Amino acid sequence: MNKVLLLALLFTLSFTACEKMSDDYDDESPVIDMTAIDASPQNCITIFRGEPLEFNAVFTDNIELGSFSIEMHHNFDHHTHSTDAEHCEEEGEEEEKTPVSPFRWIENYTIPSGLKSYTATVTIPIPQGVDVGLYHFMVRLTDAAGWQTFKGISVKIAEK
């Protein structure tokens, strides 16, 4: 009898111990929106040495945003990170080359607490003396729960 009672108690506890997940449980990745009219950079654009690159994007999340990072590095060996279906014409036309003075940018940014939407604007100085050619511009967006989204964009740095 004690075994039956113990098994019934354990069976009942196993069902009551499982709580329903609350409505604010975060199981969704954040979103990087590059479709606004002033979103920048767009895939396949040309930027110029000595001029700043303006990054503009809208970030959203179902619960709360956390942080984002921007990385820009050369693509002289034609590797890929692109998340766009569109491939740039220059990628097939330009020959692979060895970097001499490549541009590299890696920065992390915190988004103010409690936000579900955030418009990110960052000015990135492109030095005059960097190598011209193909580059990757990458954005990683992380929400407060740790989910991450990635956006890879191909750009070209040119001489004006």
Protein backbone atom coordinates (compact mmCIF):
# COMPACT_ATOMS: atom_id res chain seq x y z
CA MET A 1 0.00 0.00 0.00
CA ASN A 2 2.79 2.42 0.83
CA LYS A 3 4.41 1.72 -2.54
CA VAL A 4 1.18 2.45 -4.38
CA LEU A 5 0.67 5.65 -2.40
CA LEU A 6 4.29 6.70 -3.02
CA LEU A 7 3.98 6.03 -6.75
CA ALA A 8 0.71 7.97 -6.93
CA LEU A 9 2.31 10.88 -5.07
CA LEU A 10 5.36 10.89 -7.38
CA PHE A 11 3.10 10.68 -10.44
CA THR A 12 1.04 13.65 -9.22
CA LEU A 13 4.15 15.68 -8.37
CA SER A 14 5.65 15.07 -11.80
CA PHE A 15 2.68 16.80 -13.43
CA THR A 16 2.37 19.66 -10.98
CA ALA A 17 6.12 20.38 -11.00
CA CYS A 18 6.02 21.34 -14.66
CA GLU A 19 5.09 24.99 -14.88
CA LYS A 20 3.66 26.58 -17.94
CA MET A 21 6.22 28.88 -19.54
CA SER A 22 5.33 32.49 -19.00
CA ASP A 23 4.38 34.69 -21.93
CA ASP A 24 7.64 36.62 -21.58
CA TYR A 25 9.87 33.58 -22.18
CA ASP A 26 12.25 34.56 -24.97
CA ASP A 27 12.73 31.88 -27.60
CA GLU A 28 13.04 34.16 -30.63
CA SER A 29 16.09 35.71 -32.24
CA PRO A 30 16.21 39.49 -32.64
CA VAL A 31 15.75 41.12 -36.06
CA ILE A 32 18.10 43.39 -38.03
CA ASP A 33 16.00 45.51 -40.38
CA MET A 34 17.95 46.97 -43.31
CA THR A 35 14.87 47.83 -45.40
CA ALA A 36 14.28 51.41 -44.22
CA ILE A 37 14.96 54.15 -46.75
CA ASP A 38 18.01 55.38 -44.77
CA ALA A 39 19.36 51.92 -43.83
CA SER A 40 23.05 51.68 -44.58
CA PRO A 41 25.17 50.11 -45.86
CA GLN A 42 23.29 48.17 -48.50
CA ASN A 43 24.80 45.14 -50.22
CA CYS A 44 27.21 45.91 -53.09
CA ILE A 45 27.65 49.65 -52.38
CA THR A 46 30.92 51.47 -52.98
CA ILE A 47 32.37 53.60 -50.21
CA PHE A 48 35.36 55.88 -50.53
CA ARG A 49 38.65 56.12 -48.70
CA GLY A 50 38.83 59.15 -46.47
CA GLU A 51 35.04 59.42 -46.11
CA PRO A 52 32.96 58.09 -43.20
CA LEU A 53 30.57 55.17 -43.61
CA GLU A 54 27.24 55.72 -41.88
CA PHE A 55 25.68 52.58 -40.40
CA ASN A 56 21.92 52.85 -39.88
CA ALA A 57 19.62 49.95 -38.99
CA VAL A 58 16.55 49.21 -36.91
CA PHE A 59 16.83 46.39 -34.37
CA THR A 60 13.79 44.69 -32.83
CA ASP A 61 13.12 41.84 -30.41
CA ASN A 62 10.03 40.25 -28.93
CA ILE A 63 11.18 40.80 -25.30
CA GLU A 64 14.35 42.91 -24.95
CA LEU A 65 17.40 43.82 -26.99
CA GLY A 66 20.90 43.44 -25.56
CA SER A 67 23.86 44.55 -27.69
CA PHE A 68 25.29 44.62 -31.18
CA SER A 69 28.68 44.48 -32.80
CA ILE A 70 30.03 45.67 -36.11
CA GLU A 71 32.97 44.12 -37.90
CA MET A 72 34.47 45.15 -41.21
CA HIS A 73 37.37 43.36 -42.84
CA HIS A 74 38.87 42.81 -46.29
CA ASN A 75 37.63 40.16 -48.69
CA PHE A 76 40.69 40.07 -50.92
CA ASP A 77 40.62 36.23 -50.87
CA HIS A 78 36.91 36.15 -51.93
CA HIS A 79 35.59 34.28 -48.87
CA THR A 80 31.92 34.76 -48.04
CA HIS A 81 29.70 35.81 -45.15
CA SER A 82 26.89 37.34 -47.17
CA THR A 83 23.36 36.78 -45.97
CA ASP A 84 21.93 38.43 -49.10
CA ALA A 85 20.88 36.41 -52.13
CA GLU A 86 22.27 39.15 -54.37
CA HIS A 87 25.94 38.69 -55.30
CA CYS A 88 27.93 41.75 -56.27
CA GLU A 89 29.33 41.96 -59.80
CA GLU A 90 32.71 43.08 -58.45
CA GLU A 91 33.15 39.81 -56.54
CA GLY A 92 33.72 37.91 -59.78
CA GLU A 93 35.65 40.65 -61.56
CA GLU A 94 38.29 41.53 -58.99
CA GLU A 95 41.31 39.26 -58.66
CA GLU A 96 42.47 37.94 -55.30
CA LYS A 97 45.24 40.01 -53.78
CA THR A 98 47.47 40.19 -50.73
CA PRO A 99 46.53 42.93 -48.25
CA VAL A 100 49.10 45.64 -47.63
CA SER A 101 47.14 48.13 -45.50
CA PRO A 102 43.65 46.63 -45.10
CA PHE A 103 40.88 48.35 -43.19
CA ARG A 104 39.60 46.51 -40.11
CA TRP A 105 36.88 47.66 -37.71
CA ILE A 106 35.57 45.68 -34.73
CA GLU A 107 33.41 47.42 -32.14
CA ASN A 108 30.79 46.32 -29.62
CA TYR A 109 27.84 48.48 -28.58
CA THR A 110 25.38 48.18 -25.69
CA ILE A 111 21.71 48.89 -26.29
CA PRO A 112 19.94 50.67 -23.40
CA SER A 113 18.05 48.25 -21.12
CA GLY A 114 14.37 47.50 -21.58
CA LEU A 115 14.10 48.31 -25.29
CA LYS A 116 12.27 46.13 -27.83
CA SER A 117 13.18 48.45 -30.71
CA TYR A 118 16.32 50.48 -31.27
CA THR A 119 17.60 52.56 -34.17
CA ALA A 120 21.35 52.07 -34.40
CA THR A 121 23.49 54.80 -35.93
CA VAL A 122 27.27 54.54 -36.02
CA THR A 123 29.76 56.63 -38.01
CA ILE A 124 32.76 54.57 -39.11
CA PRO A 125 35.78 56.54 -40.32
CA ILE A 126 37.42 55.00 -43.40
CA PRO A 127 41.07 56.13 -43.39
CA GLN A 128 42.56 57.59 -46.57
CA GLY A 129 45.47 55.12 -46.70
CA VAL A 130 43.62 51.77 -46.57
CA ASP A 131 43.69 49.23 -49.37
CA VAL A 132 40.92 49.58 -51.95
CA GLY A 133 38.93 46.47 -52.84
CA LEU A 134 36.24 44.18 -51.57
CA TYR A 135 35.26 44.16 -47.91
CA HIS A 136 32.71 42.51 -45.64
CA PHE A 137 30.53 44.54 -43.30
CA MET A 138 29.00 42.34 -40.60
CA VAL A 139 26.46 43.11 -37.89
CA ARG A 140 25.70 40.77 -35.01
CA LEU A 141 22.67 41.56 -32.86
CA THR A 142 22.12 39.82 -29.52
CA ASP A 143 18.99 40.08 -27.40
CA ALA A 144 18.94 40.12 -23.59
CA ALA A 145 18.33 36.35 -23.49
CA GLY A 146 21.40 35.63 -25.63
CA TRP A 147 19.75 34.87 -28.99
CA GLN A 148 21.77 36.26 -31.88
CA THR A 149 21.15 37.32 -35.48
CA PHE A 150 23.83 37.97 -38.09
CA LYS A 151 23.80 40.17 -41.20
CA GLY A 152 26.66 40.03 -43.72
CA ILE A 153 26.97 42.71 -46.39
CA SER A 154 29.48 42.98 -49.23
CA VAL A 155 30.92 46.45 -49.87
CA LYS A 156 33.76 47.91 -51.88
CA ILE A 157 36.23 50.56 -50.76
CA ALA A 158 37.42 52.66 -53.69
CA GLU A 159 39.56 55.71 -54.40
CA LYS A 160 37.45 58.80 -54.98
